[in-house]
Amino acid sequence: MTGSRPNPAFVPAYEVLLELEERLEALRHVGSGVDPHATAAMHAIRFAAAILRPAVPGSGPPPFPDDTARLLELMDNWRDVALELGEFAPTRPALQLHLGGKDS
């Protein structure tokens, strides 16, 4: 694997990612509670920015923790919440009423 080299062409994309992260951070708190869709998207954007940052010349650390393993974990957890997967999936009622004979 080759080391990343700073590439000035990545600067605009990195700046857009940081701007989008900031907007999602603000939007996820709109209304009551924390919106899982905006939060999942925010963590995905943070991960993308953390991955791109080493190739952006002159970039300092982003305005959020950028440990990529932790960002992946957060992104996965919030994706499950937003899409109601895994432990966040809606549960079926324990008892169901079936009308009709035993063959129905």
PDB file of N, CA and C in Angstrom:
ATOM      1  N   MET A   1       0.845  -1.180   0.000  1.00  0.00           N
ATOM      2  CA  MET A   1       0.000   0.000   0.000  1.00  0.00           C
ATOM      3  C   MET A   1       0.890   1.242   0.000  1.00  0.00           C
ATOM      4  N   THR A   2       0.578   2.184  -0.842  1.00  0.00           N
ATOM      5  CA  THR A   2       1.370   3.399  -0.906  1.00  0.00           C
ATOM      6  C   THR A   2       0.811   4.424   0.066  1.00  0.00           C
ATOM      7  N   GLY A   3       1.701   5.283   0.574  1.00  0.00           N
ATOM      8  CA  GLY A   3       1.269   6.341   1.470  1.00  0.00           C
ATOM      9  C   GLY A   3       0.491   7.398   0.707  1.00  0.00           C
ATOM     10  N   SER A   4      -0.402   8.069   1.408  1.00  0.00           N
ATOM     11  CA  SER A   4      -1.167   9.113   0.730  1.00  0.00           C
ATOM     12  C   SER A   4      -0.306  10.360   0.598  1.00  0.00           C
ATOM     13  N   ARG A   5      -0.474  11.015  -0.507  1.00  0.00           N
ATOM     14  CA  ARG A   5       0.237  12.259  -0.762  1.00  0.00           C
ATOM     15  C   ARG A   5      -0.782  13.381  -0.799  1.00  0.00           C
ATOM     16  N   PRO A   6      -0.413  14.518  -0.249  1.00  0.00           N
ATOM     17  CA  PRO A   6      -1.335  15.647  -0.333  1.00  0.00           C
ATOM     18  C   PRO A   6      -1.677  15.974  -1.782  1.00  0.00           C
ATOM     19  N   ASN A   7      -2.941  16.224  -2.020  1.00  0.00           N
ATOM     20  CA  ASN A   7      -3.404  16.533  -3.365  1.00  0.00           C
ATOM     21  C   ASN A   7      -4.342  17.744  -3.272  1.00  0.00           C
ATOM     22  N   PRO A   8      -3.939  18.882  -3.823  1.00  0.00           N
ATOM     23  CA  PRO A   8      -4.763  20.085  -3.743  1.00  0.00           C
ATOM     24  C   PRO A   8      -6.161  19.915  -4.331  1.00  0.00           C
ATOM     25  N   ALA A   9      -6.342  18.956  -5.210  1.00  0.00           N
ATOM     26  CA  ALA A   9      -7.664  18.744  -5.814  1.00  0.00           C
ATOM     27  C   ALA A   9      -8.684  18.266  -4.784  1.00  0.00           C
ATOM     28  N   PHE A  10      -8.219  17.692  -3.665  1.00  0.00           N
ATOM     29  CA  PHE A  10      -9.135  17.193  -2.642  1.00  0.00           C
ATOM     30  C   PHE A  10      -9.647  18.272  -1.694  1.00  0.00           C
ATOM     31  N   VAL A  11      -9.028  19.434  -1.699  1.00  0.00           N
ATOM     32  CA  VAL A  11      -9.404  20.495  -0.766  1.00  0.00           C
ATOM     33  C   VAL A  11     -10.887  20.858  -0.868  1.00  0.00           C
ATOM     34  N   PRO A  12     -11.435  21.138  -2.070  1.00  0.00           N
ATOM     35  CA  PRO A  12     -12.861  21.499  -2.135  1.00  0.00           C
ATOM     36  C   PRO A  12     -13.786  20.388  -1.610  1.00  0.00           C
ATOM     37  N   ALA A  13     -13.474  19.148  -1.932  1.00  0.00           N
ATOM     38  CA  ALA A  13     -14.315  18.043  -1.461  1.00  0.00           C
ATOM     39  C   ALA A  13     -14.265  17.939   0.061  1.00  0.00           C
ATOM     40  N   TYR A  14     -13.071  18.083   0.635  1.00  0.00           N
ATOM     41  CA  TYR A  14     -12.921  18.020   2.087  1.00  0.00           C
ATOM     42  C   TYR A  14     -13.703  19.150   2.754  1.00  0.00           C
ATOM     43  N   GLU A  15     -13.629  20.345   2.189  1.00  0.00           N
ATOM     44  CA  GLU A  15     -14.372  21.483   2.749  1.00  0.00           C
ATOM     45  C   GLU A  15     -15.878  21.248   2.692  1.00  0.00           C
ATOM     46  N   VAL A  16     -16.364  20.653   1.602  1.00  0.00           N
ATOM     47  CA  VAL A  16     -17.793  20.334   1.490  1.00  0.00           C
ATOM     48  C   VAL A  16     -18.193  19.309   2.546  1.00  0.00           C
ATOM     49  N   LEU A  17     -17.353  18.304   2.760  1.00  0.00           N
ATOM     50  CA  LEU A  17     -17.647  17.290   3.779  1.00  0.00           C
ATOM     51  C   LEU A  17     -17.746  17.928   5.161  1.00  0.00           C
ATOM     52  N   LEU A  18     -16.821  18.823   5.496  1.00  0.00           N
ATOM     53  CA  LEU A  18     -16.864  19.482   6.801  1.00  0.00           C
ATOM     54  C   LEU A  18     -18.106  20.359   6.947  1.00  0.00           C
ATOM     55  N   GLU A  19     -18.470  21.037   5.876  1.00  0.00           N
ATOM     56  CA  GLU A  19     -19.674  21.877   5.905  1.00  0.00           C
ATOM     57  C   GLU A  19     -20.926  21.016   6.080  1.00  0.00           C
ATOM     58  N   LEU A  20     -20.987  19.925   5.359  1.00  0.00           N
ATOM     59  CA  LEU A  20     -22.134  19.023   5.459  1.00  0.00           C
ATOM     60  C   LEU A  20     -22.218  18.395   6.846  1.00  0.00           C
ATOM     61  N   GLU A  21     -21.085  18.025   7.415  1.00  0.00           N
ATOM     62  CA  GLU A  21     -21.055  17.463   8.772  1.00  0.00           C
ATOM     63  C   GLU A  21     -21.629  18.460   9.773  1.00  0.00           C
ATOM     64  N   GLU A  22     -21.238  19.712   9.637  1.00  0.00           N
ATOM     65  CA  GLU A  22     -21.717  20.758  10.536  1.00  0.00           C
ATOM     66  C   GLU A  22     -23.236  20.948  10.404  1.00  0.00           C
ATOM     67  N   ARG A  23     -23.734  20.941   9.183  1.00  0.00           N
ATOM     68  CA  ARG A  23     -25.176  21.112   8.952  1.00  0.00           C
ATOM     69  C   ARG A  23     -25.965  19.926   9.509  1.00  0.00           C
ATOM     70  N   LEU A  24     -25.461  18.702   9.300  1.00  0.00           N
ATOM     71  CA  LEU A  24     -26.151  17.518   9.829  1.00  0.00           C
ATOM     72  C   LEU A  24     -26.130  17.500  11.349  1.00  0.00           C
ATOM     73  N   GLU A  25     -25.025  17.927  11.940  1.00  0.00           N
ATOM     74  CA  GLU A  25     -24.946  18.000  13.406  1.00  0.00           C
ATOM     75  C   GLU A  25     -26.043  18.907  13.944  1.00  0.00           C
ATOM     76  N   ALA A  26     -26.271  20.035  13.282  1.00  0.00           N
ATOM     77  CA  ALA A  26     -27.327  20.955  13.716  1.00  0.00           C
ATOM     78  C   ALA A  26     -28.715  20.383  13.438  1.00  0.00           C
ATOM     79  N   LEU A  27     -28.902  19.767  12.287  1.00  0.00           N
ATOM     80  CA  LEU A  27     -30.216  19.257  11.902  1.00  0.00           C
ATOM     81  C   LEU A  27     -30.670  18.053  12.727  1.00  0.00           C
ATOM     82  N   ARG A  28     -29.737  17.266  13.191  1.00  0.00           N
ATOM     83  CA  ARG A  28     -30.142  16.054  13.907  1.00  0.00           C
ATOM     84  C   ARG A  28     -30.824  16.359  15.232  1.00  0.00           C
ATOM     85  N   HIS A  29     -30.698  17.594  15.730  1.00  0.00           N
ATOM     86  CA  HIS A  29     -31.329  17.988  16.986  1.00  0.00           C
ATOM     87  C   HIS A  29     -32.613  18.779  16.776  1.00  0.00           C
ATOM     88  N   VAL A  30     -33.088  18.896  15.527  1.00  0.00           N
ATOM     89  CA  VAL A  30     -34.323  19.631  15.243  1.00  0.00           C
ATOM     90  C   VAL A  30     -35.508  18.767  15.671  1.00  0.00           C
ATOM     91  N   GLY A  31     -36.449  19.368  16.346  1.00  0.00           N
ATOM     92  CA  GLY A  31     -37.597  18.612  16.837  1.00  0.00           C
ATOM     93  C   GLY A  31     -37.288  17.993  18.190  1.00  0.00           C
ATOM     94  N   SER A  32     -38.062  16.987  18.538  1.00  0.00           N
ATOM     95  CA  SER A  32     -37.844  16.347  19.835  1.00  0.00           C
ATOM     96  C   SER A  32     -36.891  15.172  19.683  1.00  0.00           C
ATOM     97  N   GLY A  33     -35.906  15.095  20.524  1.00  0.00           N
ATOM     98  CA  GLY A  33     -34.959  13.995  20.485  1.00  0.00           C
ATOM     99  C   GLY A  33     -33.896  14.193  19.418  1.00  0.00           C
ATOM    100  N   VAL A  34     -33.214  13.105  19.103  1.00  0.00           N
ATOM    101  CA  VAL A  34     -32.151  13.123  18.096  1.00  0.00           C
ATOM    102  C   VAL A  34     -32.612  12.285  16.910  1.00  0.00           C
ATOM    103  N   ASP A  35     -32.572  12.866  15.723  1.00  0.00           N
ATOM    104  CA  ASP A  35     -33.028  12.152  14.537  1.00  0.00           C
ATOM    105  C   ASP A  35     -31.994  11.103  14.123  1.00  0.00           C
ATOM    106  N   PRO A  36     -32.398   9.824  14.072  1.00  0.00           N
ATOM    107  CA  PRO A  36     -31.422   8.786  13.738  1.00  0.00           C
ATOM    108  C   PRO A  36     -30.947   8.843  12.290  1.00  0.00           C
ATOM    109  N   HIS A  37     -31.778   9.316  11.369  1.00  0.00           N
ATOM    110  CA  HIS A  37     -31.363   9.386   9.962  1.00  0.00           C
ATOM    111  C   HIS A  37     -30.265  10.428   9.774  1.00  0.00           C
ATOM    112  N   ALA A  38     -30.473  11.612  10.328  1.00  0.00           N
ATOM    113  CA  ALA A  38     -29.460  12.665  10.222  1.00  0.00           C
ATOM    114  C   ALA A  38     -28.190  12.261  10.962  1.00  0.00           C
ATOM    115  N   THR A  39     -28.337  11.559  12.081  1.00  0.00           N
ATOM    116  CA  THR A  39     -27.168  11.139  12.848  1.00  0.00           C
ATOM    117  C   THR A  39     -26.374  10.084  12.092  1.00  0.00           C
ATOM    118  N   ALA A  40     -27.046   9.114  11.485  1.00  0.00           N
ATOM    119  CA  ALA A  40     -26.350   8.088  10.694  1.00  0.00           C
ATOM    120  C   ALA A  40     -25.609   8.735   9.528  1.00  0.00           C
ATOM    121  N   ALA A  41     -26.268   9.670   8.853  1.00  0.00           N
ATOM    122  CA  ALA A  41     -25.624  10.364   7.734  1.00  0.00           C
ATOM    123  C   ALA A  41     -24.434  11.193   8.220  1.00  0.00           C
ATOM    124  N   MET A  42     -24.573  11.847   9.372  1.00  0.00           N
ATOM    125  CA  MET A  42     -23.490  12.656   9.915  1.00  0.00           C
ATOM    126  C   MET A  42     -22.261  11.784  10.205  1.00  0.00           C
ATOM    127  N   HIS A  43     -22.474  10.619  10.802  1.00  0.00           N
ATOM    128  CA  HIS A  43     -21.335   9.742  11.094  1.00  0.00           C
ATOM    129  C   HIS A  43     -20.684   9.230   9.805  1.00  0.00           C
ATOM    130  N   ALA A  44     -21.470   8.975   8.777  1.00  0.00           N
ATOM    131  CA  ALA A  44     -20.907   8.551   7.490  1.00  0.00           C
ATOM    132  C   ALA A  44     -20.062   9.674   6.882  1.00  0.00           C
ATOM    133  N   ILE A  45     -20.534  10.901   6.976  1.00  0.00           N
ATOM    134  CA  ILE A  45     -19.789  12.052   6.456  1.00  0.00           C
ATOM    135  C   ILE A  45     -18.504  12.252   7.258  1.00  0.00           C
ATOM    136  N   ARG A  46     -18.600  12.106   8.581  1.00  0.00           N
ATOM    137  CA  ARG A  46     -17.396  12.227   9.408  1.00  0.00           C
ATOM    138  C   ARG A  46     -16.362  11.175   9.011  1.00  0.00           C
ATOM    139  N   PHE A  47     -16.826   9.962   8.751  1.00  0.00           N
ATOM    140  CA  PHE A  47     -15.910   8.900   8.343  1.00  0.00           C
ATOM    141  C   PHE A  47     -15.251   9.257   7.013  1.00  0.00           C
ATOM    142  N   ALA A  48     -16.037   9.740   6.061  1.00  0.00           N
ATOM    143  CA  ALA A  48     -15.487  10.129   4.756  1.00  0.00           C
ATOM    144  C   ALA A  48     -14.447  11.235   4.913  1.00  0.00           C
ATOM    145  N   ALA A  49     -14.730  12.219   5.752  1.00  0.00           N
ATOM    146  CA  ALA A  49     -13.779  13.311   5.972  1.00  0.00           C
ATOM    147  C   ALA A  49     -12.505  12.796   6.640  1.00  0.00           C
ATOM    148  N   ALA A  50     -12.644  11.885   7.606  1.00  0.00           N
ATOM    149  CA  ALA A  50     -11.471  11.336   8.292  1.00  0.00           C
ATOM    150  C   ALA A  50     -10.591  10.544   7.328  1.00  0.00           C
ATOM    151  N   ILE A  51     -11.211   9.840   6.389  1.00  0.00           N
ATOM    152  CA  ILE A  51     -10.457   9.061   5.407  1.00  0.00           C
ATOM    153  C   ILE A  51      -9.744   9.986   4.408  1.00  0.00           C
ATOM    154  N   LEU A  52     -10.396  11.062   4.014  1.00  0.00           N
ATOM    155  CA  LEU A  52      -9.834  11.974   3.011  1.00  0.00           C
ATOM    156  C   LEU A  52      -8.778  12.911   3.595  1.00  0.00           C
ATOM    157  N   ARG A  53      -8.882  13.256   4.868  1.00  0.00           N
ATOM    158  CA  ARG A  53      -8.022  14.279   5.480  1.00  0.00           C
ATOM    159  C   ARG A  53      -6.528  14.092   5.242  1.00  0.00           C
ATOM    160  N   PRO A  54      -5.946  12.892   5.350  1.00  0.00           N
ATOM    161  CA  PRO A  54      -4.498  12.780   5.136  1.00  0.00           C
ATOM    162  C   PRO A  54      -4.041  13.206   3.735  1.00  0.00           C
ATOM    163  N   ALA A  55      -4.943  13.199   2.777  1.00  0.00           N
ATOM    164  CA  ALA A  55      -4.586  13.583   1.405  1.00  0.00           C
ATOM    165  C   ALA A  55      -4.864  15.055   1.114  1.00  0.00           C
ATOM    166  N   VAL A  56      -5.357  15.786   2.127  1.00  0.00           N
ATOM    167  CA  VAL A  56      -5.677  17.205   1.935  1.00  0.00           C
ATOM    168  C   VAL A  56      -4.509  18.030   2.466  1.00  0.00           C
ATOM    169  N   PRO A  57      -3.823  18.758   1.573  1.00  0.00           N
ATOM    170  CA  PRO A  57      -2.661  19.521   2.026  1.00  0.00           C
ATOM    171  C   PRO A  57      -3.042  20.611   3.029  1.00  0.00           C
ATOM    172  N   GLY A  58      -2.229  20.695   4.082  1.00  0.00           N
ATOM    173  CA  GLY A  58      -2.418  21.754   5.069  1.00  0.00           C
ATOM    174  C   GLY A  58      -3.609  21.590   5.987  1.00  0.00           C
ATOM    175  N   SER A  59      -4.263  20.449   5.960  1.00  0.00           N
ATOM    176  CA  SER A  59      -5.440  20.289   6.821  1.00  0.00           C
ATOM    177  C   SER A  59      -5.009  19.908   8.226  1.00  0.00           C
ATOM    178  N   GLY A  60      -5.637  20.549   9.186  1.00  0.00           N
ATOM    179  CA  GLY A  60      -5.428  20.181  10.574  1.00  0.00           C
ATOM    180  C   GLY A  60      -6.452  19.137  10.955  1.00  0.00           C
ATOM    181  N   PRO A  61      -6.507  18.778  12.213  1.00  0.00           N
ATOM    182  CA  PRO A  61      -7.499  17.795  12.634  1.00  0.00           C
ATOM    183  C   PRO A  61      -8.911  18.345  12.418  1.00  0.00           C
ATOM    184  N   PRO A  62      -9.855  17.475  12.092  1.00  0.00           N
ATOM    185  CA  PRO A  62     -11.230  17.941  11.895  1.00  0.00           C
ATOM    186  C   PRO A  62     -11.850  18.356  13.235  1.00  0.00           C
ATOM    187  N   PRO A  63     -12.962  19.066  13.189  1.00  0.00           N
ATOM    188  CA  PRO A  63     -13.592  19.555  14.418  1.00  0.00           C
ATOM    189  C   PRO A  63     -14.409  18.475  15.146  1.00  0.00           C
ATOM    190  N   PHE A  64     -14.061  17.242  14.967  1.00  0.00           N
ATOM    191  CA  PHE A  64     -14.731  16.118  15.632  1.00  0.00           C
ATOM    192  C   PHE A  64     -13.686  15.022  15.822  1.00  0.00           C
ATOM    193  N   PRO A  65     -13.915  14.101  16.770  1.00  0.00           N
ATOM    194  CA  PRO A  65     -12.967  12.988  16.920  1.00  0.00           C
ATOM    195  C   PRO A  65     -12.896  12.199  15.614  1.00  0.00           C
ATOM    196  N   ASP A  66     -11.680  11.861  15.174  1.00  0.00           N
ATOM    197  CA  ASP A  66     -11.559  11.226  13.861  1.00  0.00           C
ATOM    198  C   ASP A  66     -10.959   9.822  13.907  1.00  0.00           C
ATOM    199  N   ASP A  67     -11.134   9.121  15.018  1.00  0.00           N
ATOM    200  CA  ASP A  67     -10.713   7.722  15.103  1.00  0.00           C
ATOM    201  C   ASP A  67     -11.620   6.916  14.178  1.00  0.00           C
ATOM    202  N   THR A  68     -11.068   6.408  13.077  1.00  0.00           N
ATOM    203  CA  THR A  68     -11.909   5.779  12.049  1.00  0.00           C
ATOM    204  C   THR A  68     -12.622   4.523  12.551  1.00  0.00           C
ATOM    205  N   ALA A  69     -11.985   3.746  13.428  1.00  0.00           N
ATOM    206  CA  ALA A  69     -12.651   2.548  13.964  1.00  0.00           C
ATOM    207  C   ALA A  69     -13.893   2.951  14.764  1.00  0.00           C
ATOM    208  N   ARG A  70     -13.766   3.982  15.573  1.00  0.00           N
ATOM    209  CA  ARG A  70     -14.914   4.458  16.369  1.00  0.00           C
ATOM    210  C   ARG A  70     -15.985   5.049  15.453  1.00  0.00           C
ATOM    211  N   LEU A  71     -15.584   5.789  14.428  1.00  0.00           N
ATOM    212  CA  LEU A  71     -16.563   6.354  13.500  1.00  0.00           C
ATOM    213  C   LEU A  71     -17.330   5.255  12.777  1.00  0.00           C
ATOM    214  N   LEU A  72     -16.645   4.191  12.379  1.00  0.00           N
ATOM    215  CA  LEU A  72     -17.333   3.058  11.738  1.00  0.00           C
ATOM    216  C   LEU A  72     -18.348   2.423  12.678  1.00  0.00           C
ATOM    217  N   GLU A  73     -17.966   2.270  13.938  1.00  0.00           N
ATOM    218  CA  GLU A  73     -18.879   1.686  14.931  1.00  0.00           C
ATOM    219  C   GLU A  73     -20.112   2.570  15.118  1.00  0.00           C
ATOM    220  N   LEU A  74     -19.895   3.876  15.258  1.00  0.00           N
ATOM    221  CA  LEU A  74     -21.020   4.803  15.416  1.00  0.00           C
ATOM    222  C   LEU A  74     -21.920   4.797  14.186  1.00  0.00           C
ATOM    223  N   MET A  75     -21.306   4.797  13.003  1.00  0.00           N
ATOM    224  CA  MET A  75     -22.078   4.798  11.758  1.00  0.00           C
ATOM    225  C   MET A  75     -22.938   3.545  11.677  1.00  0.00           C
ATOM    226  N   ASP A  76     -22.373   2.399  12.024  1.00  0.00           N
ATOM    227  CA  ASP A  76     -23.107   1.137  11.985  1.00  0.00           C
ATOM    228  C   ASP A  76     -24.258   1.134  12.985  1.00  0.00           C
ATOM    229  N   ASN A  77     -23.995   1.592  14.214  1.00  0.00           N
ATOM    230  CA  ASN A  77     -25.049   1.614  15.236  1.00  0.00           C
ATOM    231  C   ASN A  77     -26.203   2.529  14.843  1.00  0.00           C
ATOM    232  N   TRP A  78     -25.884   3.735  14.378  1.00  0.00           N
ATOM    233  CA  TRP A  78     -26.939   4.680  14.021  1.00  0.00           C
ATOM    234  C   TRP A  78     -27.671   4.266  12.753  1.00  0.00           C
ATOM    235  N   ARG A  79     -26.983   3.579  11.838  1.00  0.00           N
ATOM    236  CA  ARG A  79     -27.661   3.040  10.652  1.00  0.00           C
ATOM    237  C   ARG A  79     -28.738   2.046  11.088  1.00  0.00           C
ATOM    238  N   ASP A  80     -28.394   1.175  12.035  1.00  0.00           N
ATOM    239  CA  ASP A  80     -29.366   0.200  12.534  1.00  0.00           C
ATOM    240  C   ASP A  80     -30.576   0.891  13.159  1.00  0.00           C
ATOM    241  N   VAL A  81     -30.334   1.953  13.921  1.00  0.00           N
ATOM    242  CA  VAL A  81     -31.441   2.696  14.531  1.00  0.00           C
ATOM    243  C   VAL A  81     -32.310   3.334  13.452  1.00  0.00           C
ATOM    244  N   ALA A  82     -31.669   4.004  12.485  1.00  0.00           N
ATOM    245  CA  ALA A  82     -32.412   4.711  11.445  1.00  0.00           C
ATOM    246  C   ALA A  82     -33.234   3.768  10.579  1.00  0.00           C
ATOM    247  N   LEU A  83     -32.683   2.590  10.288  1.00  0.00           N
ATOM    248  CA  LEU A  83     -33.367   1.646   9.402  1.00  0.00           C
ATOM    249  C   LEU A  83     -34.125   0.558  10.161  1.00  0.00           C
ATOM    250  N   GLU A  84     -34.163   0.694  11.495  1.00  0.00           N
ATOM    251  CA  GLU A  84     -34.862  -0.263  12.360  1.00  0.00           C
ATOM    252  C   GLU A  84     -34.384  -1.690  12.094  1.00  0.00           C
ATOM    253  N   LEU A  85     -33.063  -1.875  12.196  1.00  0.00           N
ATOM    254  CA  LEU A  85     -32.444  -3.180  11.984  1.00  0.00           C
ATOM    255  C   LEU A  85     -31.934  -3.743  13.309  1.00  0.00           C
ATOM    256  N   GLY A  86     -31.711  -5.043  13.348  1.00  0.00           N
ATOM    257  CA  GLY A  86     -31.116  -5.681  14.518  1.00  0.00           C
ATOM    258  C   GLY A  86     -31.944  -5.465  15.768  1.00  0.00           C
ATOM    259  N   GLU A  87     -31.271  -5.074  16.845  1.00  0.00           N
ATOM    260  CA  GLU A  87     -31.968  -4.891  18.111  1.00  0.00           C
ATOM    261  C   GLU A  87     -32.975  -3.742  18.065  1.00  0.00           C
ATOM    262  N   PHE A  88     -32.902  -2.911  17.047  1.00  0.00           N
ATOM    263  CA  PHE A  88     -33.821  -1.778  16.921  1.00  0.00           C
ATOM    264  C   PHE A  88     -35.008  -2.089  16.018  1.00  0.00           C
ATOM    265  N   ALA A  89     -35.100  -3.316  15.538  1.00  0.00           N
ATOM    266  CA  ALA A  89     -36.214  -3.720  14.675  1.00  0.00           C
ATOM    267  C   ALA A  89     -37.496  -3.750  15.491  1.00  0.00           C
ATOM    268  N   PRO A  90     -38.600  -3.338  14.880  1.00  0.00           N
ATOM    269  CA  PRO A  90     -39.876  -3.413  15.589  1.00  0.00           C
ATOM    270  C   PRO A  90     -40.160  -4.864  15.978  1.00  0.00           C
ATOM    271  N   THR A  91     -40.687  -5.035  17.148  1.00  0.00           N
ATOM    272  CA  THR A  91     -40.986  -6.393  17.604  1.00  0.00           C
ATOM    273  C   THR A  91     -42.424  -6.749  17.269  1.00  0.00           C
ATOM    274  N   ARG A  92     -42.631  -8.018  16.984  1.00  0.00           N
ATOM    275  CA  ARG A  92     -43.980  -8.515  16.733  1.00  0.00           C
ATOM    276  C   ARG A  92     -44.639  -8.800  18.066  1.00  0.00           C
ATOM    277  N   PRO A  93     -45.934  -8.702  18.137  1.00  0.00           N
ATOM    278  CA  PRO A  93     -46.609  -9.052  19.387  1.00  0.00           C
ATOM    279  C   PRO A  93     -46.333 -10.517  19.741  1.00  0.00           C
ATOM    280  N   ALA A  94     -46.203 -10.800  21.043  1.00  0.00           N
ATOM    281  CA  ALA A  94     -45.923 -12.162  21.490  1.00  0.00           C
ATOM    282  C   ALA A  94     -47.099 -13.088  21.209  1.00  0.00           C
ATOM    283  N   LEU A  95     -48.314 -12.574  21.300  1.00  0.00           N
ATOM    284  CA  LEU A  95     -49.512 -13.374  21.047  1.00  0.00           C
ATOM    285  C   LEU A  95     -50.255 -12.791  19.857  1.00  0.00           C
ATOM    286  N   GLN A  96     -50.773 -13.676  19.013  1.00  0.00           N
ATOM    287  CA  GLN A  96     -51.563 -13.232  17.877  1.00  0.00           C
ATOM    288  C   GLN A  96     -52.881 -13.979  17.892  1.00  0.00           C
ATOM    289  N   LEU A  97     -53.930 -13.303  17.525  1.00  0.00           N
ATOM    290  CA  LEU A  97     -55.258 -13.893  17.481  1.00  0.00           C
ATOM    291  C   LEU A  97     -55.539 -14.348  16.056  1.00  0.00           C
ATOM    292  N   HIS A  98     -55.838 -15.633  15.876  1.00  0.00           N
ATOM    293  CA  HIS A  98     -56.185 -16.196  14.575  1.00  0.00           C
ATOM    294  C   HIS A  98     -57.643 -16.616  14.632  1.00  0.00           C
ATOM    295  N   LEU A  99     -58.428 -16.082  13.740  1.00  0.00           N
ATOM    296  CA  LEU A  99     -59.852 -16.437  13.685  1.00  0.00           C
ATOM    297  C   LEU A  99     -60.051 -17.544  12.659  1.00  0.00           C
ATOM    298  N   GLY A 100     -60.914 -18.461  12.948  1.00  0.00           N
ATOM    299  CA  GLY A 100     -61.203 -19.547  12.018  1.00  0.00           C
ATOM    300  C   GLY A 100     -60.806 -20.885  12.606  1.00  0.00           C
ATOM    301  N   GLY A 101     -60.904 -21.920  11.776  1.00  0.00           N
ATOM    302  CA  GLY A 101     -60.587 -23.280  12.225  1.00  0.00           C
ATOM    303  C   GLY A 101     -59.104 -23.501  12.302  1.00  0.00           C
ATOM    304  N   LYS A 102     -58.716 -24.749  12.669  1.00  0.00           N
ATOM    305  CA  LYS A 102     -57.308 -25.023  12.821  1.00  0.00           C
ATOM    306  C   LYS A 102     -56.557 -25.043  11.499  1.00  0.00           C
ATOM    307  N   ASP A 103     -57.262 -25.191  10.365  1.00  0.00           N
ATOM    308  CA  ASP A 103     -56.582 -25.193   9.066  1.00  0.00           C
ATOM    309  C   ASP A 103     -56.421 -23.794   8.487  1.00  0.00           C
ATOM    310  N   SER A 104     -56.974 -22.750   9.126  1.00  0.00           N
ATOM    311  CA  SER A 104     -56.864 -21.406   8.539  1.00  0.00           C
ATOM    312  C   SER A 104     -55.630 -20.698   8.973  1.00  0.00           C
TER     313      SER A 104
END
